[in-house]
Amino acid sequence: MDIPRKLGILIYTAVPAIVGGGIVYHFFGSFVQVIVFEILLALAALGIISS
């Protein structure tokens, strides 16, 4: 996979990280769940990029 496509995937996952983090914080009211959500999203992005 070429570098522009990898960067596009990372940008594509940055928007759900920001918006989704806010939504998770709204529903749970704690940053622990937000950190878990961000880690899972980062692992999914790295899994897509590495394949």
Protein backbone atom coordinates (compact mmCIF):
# COMPACT_ATOMS: atom_id res chain seq x y z
CA MET A 1 0.00 0.00 0.00
CA ASP A 2 1.41 3.39 -0.91
CA ILE A 3 2.00 6.24 1.54
CA PRO A 4 -0.81 8.58 0.37
CA ARG A 5 -3.34 5.82 0.87
CA LYS A 6 -2.01 5.10 4.38
CA LEU A 7 -2.24 8.78 5.25
CA GLY A 8 -5.78 8.91 3.89
CA ILE A 9 -6.80 6.00 6.09
CA LEU A 10 -5.28 7.69 9.13
CA ILE A 11 -7.13 10.93 8.36
CA TYR A 12 -10.32 8.94 7.79
CA THR A 13 -9.99 7.42 11.26
CA ALA A 14 -9.09 10.74 12.94
CA VAL A 15 -12.60 12.15 12.48
CA PRO A 16 -14.35 9.23 14.24
CA ALA A 17 -11.71 9.43 16.97
CA ILE A 18 -12.56 13.06 17.73
CA VAL A 19 -16.33 12.83 17.30
CA GLY A 20 -16.63 9.33 18.76
CA GLY A 21 -14.54 10.31 21.77
CA GLY A 22 -16.95 13.13 22.51
CA ILE A 23 -19.95 10.84 22.15
CA VAL A 24 -18.41 8.18 24.40
CA TYR A 25 -17.58 10.83 27.01
CA HIS A 26 -21.13 12.19 26.84
CA PHE A 27 -22.68 8.79 27.52
CA PHE A 28 -20.22 7.50 30.13
CA GLY A 29 -18.85 10.72 31.66
CA SER A 30 -15.36 9.35 32.17
CA PHE A 31 -12.13 9.52 30.25
CA VAL A 32 -11.32 5.86 30.93
CA GLN A 33 -13.92 4.72 28.41
CA VAL A 34 -12.71 7.35 25.94
CA ILE A 35 -9.14 6.06 26.22
CA VAL A 36 -10.34 2.49 25.67
CA PHE A 37 -12.34 3.63 22.62
CA GLU A 38 -9.32 5.48 21.21
CA ILE A 39 -7.04 2.48 21.73
CA LEU A 40 -9.49 0.16 19.97
CA LEU A 41 -9.83 2.62 17.09
CA ALA A 42 -6.05 2.95 16.78
CA LEU A 43 -5.63 -0.85 16.74
CA ALA A 44 -8.27 -1.13 14.02
CA ALA A 45 -6.55 1.58 11.94
CA LEU A 46 -3.17 -0.07 12.34
CA GLY A 47 -4.70 -3.41 11.36
CA ILE A 48 -6.09 -1.90 8.16
CA ILE A 49 -2.81 -0.18 7.32
CA SER A 50 -0.62 -3.20 7.95
CA SER A 51 -2.64 -5.47 5.68
